[in-house]
Amino acid sequence: MSQRTERRGIHVDQSELLCKKGCGYYGNAAWQGLCSKCWREEYQRARQKQIQDDWALAEKLQREEEAAYASIQGAQSTPPQAQPGQASLGPFSKFEEKKTNEKMRKVTTVKKFFSPSSRTAPKKGSSESVERVMDQVEKYIMTRLYKSVFCPETTDDEKKDLATQNRIRALHWVTIEMLCVSMEEEIPEVSDNVVKAITDVIEMDSKRVPRDKLACITRCSKHIFSAIKITKNEPASADDFLPALIYIVLKANPPRLQSNIQYITRFCNPSRLMTGEDGYYFTNLCCAVAFIEKLDAQSLNLSPEEFERYMSGQASPRRNDSEGGWPQTAQALGGTTTTTNHVLTELHHNLELLSGLSSRQEKLMEAAQSLQSDLVSWQENVQHEVQGILEKYPLEIRPPAASAIDADNVENDRLPPPLTPQVFAG
């Protein structure tokens, strides 16, 4: 009877996450399903083909221009005077040849620099050291250049961010049952892991280094696996992980999600995105975002009419606890009695919550009044103690004794007598 029992869930085969070239590395939607290695090879191959086509077109245009110039010179001059005209083309041809050689030299230098064969192979046992050095260099460079390379004006990352954010806001009605997520948020441990996963995926935007952003995705994914394991009492599978990740992204609505994904794709160490758990979790996040962008009625096992009503806000799905599935209309349940009982149950539950809040408020007011009375009594006790000390030891202010200027001089007896004025008769 329940629609939930008929749902097939969101299933992504492991092979769909790998590179389309079959190299064994994880692919990425930003690279058309290829890994960074295959994408770079395809890009270089297409770039070389484009360069060859451009050179062929340039040579063709040059030949046509030379032919046109020669025909004009031949039409305007006599055959004996054709030799100086041909001689005048010599310096121009040498200049073009020099310019062509210079371009070829630059292209060859760049190709040799980026070709794997031109790089010195690391010695055995030094791969970890190379990875550490690359991580430190990546941290220093990307921290200094973050404001310039994150969501640059030359790209449409900001436009994609707004589109994804509005899309997730429009899908706020999607419930955990619609995605067949194997998590019970009523369990405290599961709820804590869900909150931590949401916090980690939101925290990704505050990091500057691609490796740190990737670490936030990894921590978020591990919290999701922990929540599923606690709910099912068994290790989670890949089929359980992706729907849960989609639910976390919908619930968190991370800021600048597309810009962060593109930033990691462009500047993170390619080896981290092709292999390991970091690459696996990042690939699943890209799949989750792609699923949210293409989510429709069929994806949620809804009719097109229901999906449009939910998207427009005309209706809102509610969880049917009695059947553990989808909400149904009163006619489908056989009348208005079930709907009324459901409303009364919610009303009773809300009244219980209000009564609990009222009792907590009364306890809080009693504690505040007790604290106020304690403060008043403490002030009175302090004043009483100070008054008792003053009465027991009264303060006497004695006037200072008058003394001569040199009263404290103990050697007055040794001083000579004062001088007396002498009068002289005039």
Protein backbone atom coordinates (compact mmCIF):
# COMPACT_ATOMS: atom_id res chain seq x y z
CA MET A 1 0.00 0.00 0.00
CA SER A 2 2.76 2.45 0.89
CA GLN A 3 4.62 4.16 -1.89
CA ARG A 4 7.84 3.84 0.05
CA THR A 5 7.84 0.06 -0.36
CA GLU A 6 7.63 0.51 -4.12
CA ARG A 7 10.60 2.88 -4.37
CA ARG A 8 13.80 1.55 -5.82
CA GLY A 9 16.03 4.22 -4.22
CA ILE A 10 18.97 6.07 -5.70
CA HIS A 11 21.54 3.65 -7.03
CA VAL A 12 24.85 4.57 -8.61
CA ASP A 13 27.07 1.77 -9.84
CA GLN A 14 30.73 1.91 -8.86
CA SER A 15 31.69 1.87 -12.53
CA GLU A 16 29.76 5.11 -13.09
CA LEU A 17 32.14 6.93 -10.74
CA LEU A 18 35.26 5.80 -12.62
CA CYS A 19 36.89 7.39 -15.62
CA LYS A 20 35.17 6.71 -18.95
CA LYS A 21 38.51 5.78 -20.48
CA GLY A 22 38.75 2.76 -18.18
CA CYS A 23 42.03 3.78 -16.57
CA GLY A 24 40.75 2.89 -13.08
CA TYR A 25 40.83 6.41 -11.64
CA TYR A 26 37.80 8.39 -10.48
CA GLY A 27 36.16 10.62 -13.06
CA ASN A 28 34.64 14.05 -12.67
CA ALA A 29 31.60 15.67 -14.27
CA ALA A 30 33.62 18.85 -14.80
CA TRP A 31 36.00 16.82 -16.98
CA GLN A 32 33.19 15.12 -18.94
CA GLY A 33 33.46 11.95 -16.87
CA LEU A 34 37.23 11.63 -17.27
CA CYS A 35 39.97 11.69 -14.66
CA SER A 36 42.46 14.53 -14.57
CA LYS A 37 45.12 12.47 -16.37
CA CYS A 38 42.89 11.43 -19.28
CA TRP A 39 41.35 14.88 -19.44
CA ARG A 40 44.78 16.47 -19.70
CA GLU A 41 45.74 14.06 -22.47
CA GLU A 42 42.51 14.72 -24.34
CA TYR A 43 42.97 18.46 -23.90
CA GLN A 44 46.55 18.34 -25.16
CA ARG A 45 45.52 16.17 -28.09
CA ALA A 46 42.73 18.58 -29.01
CA ARG A 47 45.07 21.51 -28.49
CA GLN A 48 47.68 20.01 -30.79
CA LYS A 49 45.05 19.34 -33.42
CA GLN A 50 43.84 22.93 -33.12
CA ILE A 51 47.40 24.23 -33.47
CA GLN A 52 47.97 22.07 -36.55
CA ASP A 53 44.72 23.25 -38.09
CA ASP A 54 45.64 26.87 -37.37
CA TRP A 55 49.07 26.40 -38.96
CA ALA A 56 47.54 24.73 -42.00
CA LEU A 57 45.06 27.58 -42.37
CA ALA A 58 47.84 30.17 -41.94
CA GLU A 59 50.00 28.46 -44.57
CA LYS A 60 47.06 28.26 -46.93
CA LEU A 61 46.26 31.94 -46.48
CA GLN A 62 49.93 32.82 -46.96
CA ARG A 63 50.14 30.84 -50.20
CA GLU A 64 46.98 32.49 -51.48
CA GLU A 65 48.34 35.90 -50.55
CA GLU A 66 51.67 35.21 -52.27
CA ALA A 67 49.88 33.92 -55.36
CA ALA A 68 47.65 36.99 -55.47
CA TYR A 69 50.62 39.28 -55.00
CA ALA A 70 52.57 37.51 -57.74
CA SER A 71 49.65 37.72 -60.15
CA ILE A 72 49.25 41.44 -59.48
CA GLN A 73 52.96 42.07 -60.02
CA GLY A 74 52.93 40.00 -63.19
CA ALA A 75 49.96 41.92 -64.57
CA GLN A 76 51.46 45.34 -63.85
CA SER A 77 55.03 44.72 -65.09
CA THR A 78 56.74 43.27 -68.16
CA PRO A 79 58.47 39.87 -68.05
CA PRO A 80 62.01 41.36 -67.94
CA GLN A 81 61.01 43.48 -64.95
CA ALA A 82 59.64 40.47 -63.05
CA GLN A 83 63.03 39.60 -61.60
CA PRO A 84 63.27 42.62 -59.29
CA GLY A 85 59.74 41.91 -58.08
CA GLN A 86 60.66 38.36 -57.20
CA ALA A 87 63.85 39.53 -55.55
CA SER A 88 61.82 41.88 -53.38
CA LEU A 89 59.96 38.90 -51.93
CA GLY A 90 63.18 37.44 -50.56
CA PRO A 91 63.47 39.53 -47.36
CA PHE A 92 59.73 39.12 -46.68
CA SER A 93 59.99 35.34 -47.02
CA LYS A 94 63.02 35.26 -44.73
CA PHE A 95 61.15 37.33 -42.16
CA GLU A 96 58.17 34.97 -42.26
CA GLU A 97 60.46 31.96 -41.99
CA LYS A 98 62.23 33.46 -38.96
CA LYS A 99 58.89 34.26 -37.33
CA THR A 100 57.63 30.73 -37.97
CA ASN A 101 60.79 29.17 -36.51
CA GLU A 102 60.47 31.35 -33.42
CA LYS A 103 56.87 30.22 -32.86
CA MET A 104 57.79 26.59 -33.35
CA ARG A 105 60.63 26.95 -30.87
CA LYS A 106 58.28 28.36 -28.21
CA VAL A 107 55.69 25.66 -28.81
CA THR A 108 58.36 22.96 -28.59
CA THR A 109 59.69 24.41 -25.35
CA VAL A 110 56.24 24.45 -23.75
CA LYS A 111 55.51 20.91 -24.96
CA LYS A 112 58.79 19.63 -23.59
CA PHE A 113 58.10 21.32 -20.25
CA PHE A 114 54.68 19.72 -19.83
CA SER A 115 55.55 16.34 -21.28
CA PRO A 116 56.06 13.63 -18.61
CA SER A 117 59.24 12.37 -20.30
CA SER A 118 61.03 15.70 -19.69
CA ARG A 119 60.58 15.47 -15.95
CA THR A 120 63.12 13.72 -13.80
CA ALA A 121 61.65 10.60 -12.25
CA PRO A 122 61.78 10.65 -8.45
CA LYS A 123 63.96 8.16 -6.70
CA LYS A 124 62.48 5.21 -4.86
CA GLY A 125 61.15 6.03 -1.43
CA SER A 126 60.90 9.76 -2.17
CA SER A 127 57.25 9.85 -3.30
CA GLU A 128 56.03 10.74 0.18
CA SER A 129 58.57 13.55 0.40
CA VAL A 130 57.47 14.84 -2.98
CA GLU A 131 53.83 14.77 -1.85
CA ARG A 132 54.66 16.70 1.31
CA VAL A 133 56.61 19.30 -0.65
CA MET A 134 53.77 19.66 -3.16
CA ASP A 135 51.26 20.06 -0.31
CA GLN A 136 53.33 22.83 1.27
CA VAL A 137 53.83 24.59 -2.05
CA GLU A 138 50.13 24.27 -2.79
CA LYS A 139 49.26 25.69 0.63
CA TYR A 140 51.57 28.68 0.25
CA ILE A 141 50.65 29.56 -3.34
CA MET A 142 46.90 29.08 -3.05
CA THR A 143 46.72 31.01 0.22
CA ARG A 144 48.42 33.98 -1.40
CA LEU A 145 46.42 33.79 -4.64
CA TYR A 146 43.06 32.75 -3.18
CA LYS A 147 41.27 36.06 -3.77
CA SER A 148 42.44 36.16 -7.38
CA VAL A 149 41.80 32.55 -8.45
CA PHE A 150 38.68 31.66 -6.45
CA CYS A 151 35.54 32.37 -8.46
CA PRO A 152 37.32 34.63 -11.00
CA GLU A 153 35.36 37.14 -13.03
CA THR A 154 36.32 35.43 -16.29
CA THR A 155 34.19 32.38 -15.41
CA ASP A 156 30.50 31.83 -14.73
CA ASP A 157 31.08 30.23 -11.31
CA GLU A 158 29.06 32.90 -9.49
CA LYS A 159 26.12 32.40 -11.84
CA LYS A 160 26.24 28.65 -11.22
CA ASP A 161 26.39 29.26 -7.46
CA LEU A 162 23.21 31.32 -7.53
CA ALA A 163 21.44 28.77 -9.73
CA THR A 164 22.40 25.86 -7.44
CA GLN A 165 21.46 27.79 -4.31
CA ASN A 166 18.03 28.71 -5.71
CA ARG A 167 17.54 25.12 -6.85
CA ILE A 168 18.25 23.74 -3.38
CA ARG A 169 15.95 26.33 -1.80
CA ALA A 170 13.18 25.30 -4.16
CA LEU A 171 13.67 21.65 -3.07
CA HIS A 172 13.33 22.38 0.65
CA TRP A 173 10.27 20.14 0.80
CA VAL A 174 12.18 16.96 -0.10
CA THR A 175 12.03 14.63 2.89
CA ILE A 176 14.39 11.92 4.04
CA GLU A 177 11.83 9.28 3.08
CA MET A 178 11.66 10.48 -0.53
CA LEU A 179 15.37 9.81 -0.97
CA CYS A 180 15.21 6.45 0.86
CA VAL A 181 17.97 7.52 3.23
CA SER A 182 18.91 4.85 5.78
CA MET A 183 19.16 7.24 8.73
CA GLU A 184 16.90 7.73 11.75
CA GLU A 185 17.39 11.27 13.02
CA GLU A 186 15.37 10.47 16.14
CA ILE A 187 18.44 8.62 17.46
CA PRO A 188 20.64 11.17 19.32
CA GLU A 189 23.92 9.77 17.95
CA VAL A 190 22.58 9.87 14.39
CA SER A 191 21.32 13.42 14.86
CA ASP A 192 24.74 14.52 16.16
CA ASN A 193 26.49 12.99 13.15
CA VAL A 194 24.05 14.70 10.78
CA VAL A 195 24.72 18.08 12.42
CA LYS A 196 28.48 17.50 12.20
CA ALA A 197 28.21 16.52 8.53
CA ILE A 198 26.23 19.67 7.75
CA THR A 199 28.78 21.77 9.66
CA ASP A 200 31.70 20.25 7.77
CA VAL A 201 30.22 20.76 4.31
CA ILE A 202 29.38 24.39 5.19
CA GLU A 203 32.86 24.92 6.65
CA MET A 204 34.37 24.00 3.28
CA ASP A 205 33.78 27.55 2.02
CA SER A 206 35.90 29.07 4.81
CA LYS A 207 39.04 27.15 3.79
CA ARG A 208 41.55 28.52 1.29
CA VAL A 209 43.72 25.53 0.43
CA PRO A 210 42.18 22.93 -1.92
CA ARG A 211 43.45 20.13 0.30
CA ASP A 212 41.65 21.65 3.32
CA LYS A 213 38.40 21.96 1.37
CA LEU A 214 38.77 18.32 0.34
CA ALA A 215 39.36 17.36 3.98
CA CYS A 216 36.01 18.98 4.92
CA ILE A 217 34.25 16.81 2.33
CA THR A 218 36.01 13.72 3.72
CA ARG A 219 34.98 14.49 7.31
CA CYS A 220 31.40 15.13 6.21
CA SER A 221 31.30 11.78 4.40
CA LYS A 222 32.70 9.90 7.39
CA HIS A 223 30.01 11.38 9.64
CA ILE A 224 27.39 10.21 7.14
CA PHE A 225 28.83 6.69 7.17
CA SER A 226 28.78 6.73 10.99
CA ALA A 227 25.13 7.81 11.06
CA ILE A 228 24.11 5.04 8.64
CA LYS A 229 26.10 2.46 10.59
CA ILE A 230 24.40 3.45 13.85
CA THR A 231 20.97 3.27 12.21
CA LYS A 232 21.45 -0.08 10.45
CA ASN A 233 23.80 -1.68 13.02
CA GLU A 234 26.01 -2.72 10.10
CA PRO A 235 28.57 -1.07 7.83
CA ALA A 236 27.10 1.29 5.25
CA SER A 237 27.31 0.58 1.53
CA ALA A 238 27.81 2.89 -1.42
CA ASP A 239 24.09 2.67 -2.25
CA ASP A 240 23.30 4.01 1.22
CA PHE A 241 25.91 6.74 1.11
CA LEU A 242 24.92 8.70 -2.01
CA PRO A 243 21.25 9.31 -1.03
CA ALA A 244 22.40 10.40 2.43
CA LEU A 245 24.94 12.79 0.90
CA ILE A 246 22.23 14.27 -1.34
CA TYR A 247 20.04 14.77 1.74
CA ILE A 248 22.87 16.49 3.63
CA VAL A 249 23.56 18.84 0.71
CA LEU A 250 19.85 19.71 0.45
CA LYS A 251 19.64 20.34 4.16
CA ALA A 252 22.87 22.35 4.40
CA ASN A 253 22.68 24.34 1.14
CA PRO A 254 26.43 25.08 1.31
CA PRO A 255 27.50 28.57 0.21
CA ARG A 256 29.25 28.90 -3.15
CA LEU A 257 29.09 25.16 -3.72
CA GLN A 258 29.86 25.25 -7.45
CA SER A 259 32.77 27.66 -6.96
CA ASN A 260 34.31 25.40 -4.32
CA ILE A 261 33.94 22.33 -6.55
CA GLN A 262 35.51 24.14 -9.50
CA TYR A 263 38.29 25.50 -7.27
CA ILE A 264 39.17 22.00 -6.06
CA THR A 265 38.98 20.64 -9.60
CA ARG A 266 41.31 23.31 -11.00
CA PHE A 267 43.97 23.61 -8.32
CA CYS A 268 44.01 20.47 -6.18
CA ASN A 269 46.76 17.90 -6.56
CA PRO A 270 45.43 15.61 -9.34
CA SER A 271 46.60 12.47 -7.55
CA ARG A 272 44.22 13.24 -4.67
CA LEU A 273 41.22 13.48 -7.00
CA MET A 274 42.04 10.33 -8.99
CA THR A 275 42.61 7.84 -6.16
CA GLY A 276 42.01 7.37 -2.45
CA GLU A 277 39.05 8.11 -0.24
CA ASP A 278 39.34 11.86 -0.88
CA GLY A 279 38.82 11.33 -4.60
CA TYR A 280 35.93 8.91 -3.96
CA TYR A 281 34.09 11.30 -1.65
CA PHE A 282 34.68 14.27 -3.97
CA THR A 283 33.35 12.30 -6.94
CA ASN A 284 30.22 11.39 -4.96
CA LEU A 285 29.71 15.06 -4.06
CA CYS A 286 29.87 15.98 -7.75
CA CYS A 287 27.33 13.24 -8.47
CA ALA A 288 25.07 14.55 -5.69
CA VAL A 289 25.15 18.08 -7.11
CA ALA A 290 24.44 16.76 -10.62
CA PHE A 291 21.50 14.73 -9.26
CA ILE A 292 20.06 17.80 -7.50
CA GLU A 293 20.31 19.86 -10.70
CA LYS A 294 18.45 17.19 -12.71
CA LEU A 295 16.03 16.07 -9.98
CA ASP A 296 12.49 15.59 -11.29
CA ALA A 297 9.26 13.81 -10.41
CA GLN A 298 10.50 10.44 -11.65
CA SER A 299 13.59 10.66 -9.44
CA LEU A 300 11.38 10.92 -6.34
CA ASN A 301 8.71 8.50 -7.60
CA LEU A 302 6.11 11.26 -7.72
CA SER A 303 3.58 12.20 -10.34
CA PRO A 304 4.33 15.33 -12.37
CA GLU A 305 1.31 17.06 -10.83
CA GLU A 306 2.50 16.39 -7.27
CA PHE A 307 6.02 17.51 -8.10
CA GLU A 308 4.76 20.78 -9.56
CA ARG A 309 2.53 21.44 -6.54
CA TYR A 310 5.44 20.87 -4.17
CA MET A 311 7.76 23.06 -6.24
CA SER A 312 5.21 25.89 -6.43
CA GLY A 313 4.44 25.70 -2.70
CA GLN A 314 0.79 24.81 -3.17
CA ALA A 315 1.26 21.60 -1.18
CA SER A 316 3.76 20.21 1.27
CA PRO A 317 4.46 16.54 1.94
CA ARG A 318 4.12 15.32 5.51
CA ARG A 319 5.38 12.17 7.05
CA ASN A 320 2.76 9.55 7.78
CA ASP A 321 3.99 7.92 10.99
CA SER A 322 1.27 5.29 10.99
CA GLU A 323 2.50 3.73 7.74
CA GLY A 324 6.06 5.06 7.74
CA GLY A 325 5.59 6.30 4.18
CA TRP A 326 4.14 9.16 2.22
CA PRO A 327 1.27 11.46 3.12
CA GLN A 328 -1.96 10.70 1.38
CA THR A 329 -5.14 12.66 0.89
CA ALA A 330 -8.22 12.16 3.02
CA GLN A 331 -10.08 10.48 0.14
CA ALA A 332 -7.27 7.95 -0.33
CA LEU A 333 -7.40 7.12 3.39
CA GLY A 334 -11.14 6.62 3.32
CA GLY A 335 -12.45 9.90 4.74
CA THR A 336 -11.63 12.86 6.91
CA THR A 337 -11.37 10.92 10.18
CA THR A 338 -7.72 10.01 9.74
CA THR A 339 -6.82 13.58 8.83
CA THR A 340 -8.68 14.91 11.87
CA ASN A 341 -6.98 12.43 14.16
CA HIS A 342 -3.62 13.39 12.73
CA VAL A 343 -4.32 17.09 13.36
CA LEU A 344 -5.49 16.37 16.89
CA THR A 345 -2.38 14.32 17.55
CA GLU A 346 -0.17 17.16 16.39
CA LEU A 347 -2.19 19.64 18.45
CA HIS A 348 -1.84 17.47 21.56
CA HIS A 349 1.87 17.14 20.96
CA ASN A 350 2.23 20.90 20.59
CA LEU A 351 0.27 21.47 23.81
CA GLU A 352 2.60 19.13 25.65
CA LEU A 353 5.58 21.05 24.32
CA LEU A 354 4.02 24.35 25.45
CA SER A 355 3.33 22.97 28.92
CA GLY A 356 6.90 21.78 29.15
CA LEU A 357 8.17 25.20 28.13
CA SER A 358 5.86 26.83 30.70
CA SER A 359 7.21 24.66 33.52
CA ARG A 360 10.77 25.37 32.46
CA GLN A 361 10.02 29.09 32.45
CA GLU A 362 8.54 28.90 35.96
CA LYS A 363 11.65 27.09 37.22
CA LEU A 364 13.82 29.70 35.58
CA MET A 365 11.88 32.55 37.21
CA GLU A 366 12.12 30.85 40.62
CA ALA A 367 15.87 30.46 40.20
CA ALA A 368 16.19 34.12 39.18
CA GLN A 369 14.21 35.30 42.21
CA SER A 370 16.28 33.10 44.51
CA LEU A 371 19.45 34.55 43.05
CA GLN A 372 18.14 38.08 43.53
CA SER A 373 17.27 37.43 47.17
CA ASP A 374 20.70 35.91 47.75
CA LEU A 375 22.35 39.00 46.32
CA VAL A 376 20.27 41.30 48.55
CA SER A 377 21.05 39.27 51.69
CA TRP A 378 24.73 39.15 50.81
CA GLN A 379 24.81 42.94 50.45
CA GLU A 380 23.10 43.37 53.83
CA ASN A 381 25.53 40.95 55.51
CA VAL A 382 28.51 42.81 54.11
CA GLN A 383 27.17 46.14 55.31
CA HIS A 384 26.47 44.69 58.78
CA GLU A 385 29.98 43.28 59.08
CA VAL A 386 31.56 46.56 58.01
CA GLN A 387 29.45 48.49 60.51
CA GLY A 388 30.43 46.11 63.33
CA ILE A 389 34.13 46.52 62.56
CA LEU A 390 33.78 50.31 62.56
CA GLU A 391 32.02 50.24 65.93
CA LYS A 392 34.63 47.92 67.45
CA TYR A 393 37.58 49.86 66.13
CA PRO A 394 36.48 53.49 65.86
CA LEU A 395 38.56 55.76 63.74
CA GLU A 396 40.27 58.56 65.72
CA ILE A 397 41.64 61.52 63.85
CA ARG A 398 44.24 63.34 65.99
CA PRO A 399 45.49 66.82 65.11
CA PRO A 400 49.17 67.01 64.25
CA ALA A 401 51.50 68.44 66.98
CA ALA A 402 53.01 71.88 66.26
CA SER A 403 56.75 71.91 66.04
CA ALA A 404 59.52 74.33 65.09
CA ILE A 405 61.18 74.18 61.81
CA ASP A 406 64.37 72.73 63.25
CA ALA A 407 62.76 70.81 66.11
CA ASP A 408 63.91 67.53 64.71
CA ASN A 409 67.52 68.67 64.53
CA VAL A 410 69.39 66.75 67.30
CA GLU A 411 72.58 68.80 66.95
CA ASN A 412 71.16 72.17 67.97
CA ASP A 413 73.60 72.46 70.88
CA ARG A 414 76.57 72.38 68.60
CA LEU A 415 75.33 75.21 66.44
CA PRO A 416 76.94 78.66 66.92
CA PRO A 417 74.88 81.44 68.43
CA PRO A 418 72.88 83.54 66.03
CA LEU A 419 74.41 86.64 64.69
CA THR A 420 73.34 89.93 66.24
CA PRO A 421 73.06 93.06 64.22
CA GLN A 422 75.81 95.63 64.77
CA VAL A 423 75.13 99.33 64.63
CA PHE A 424 77.75 101.62 63.22
CA ALA A 425 77.71 105.31 64.09
CA GLY A 426 77.74 107.43 61.08
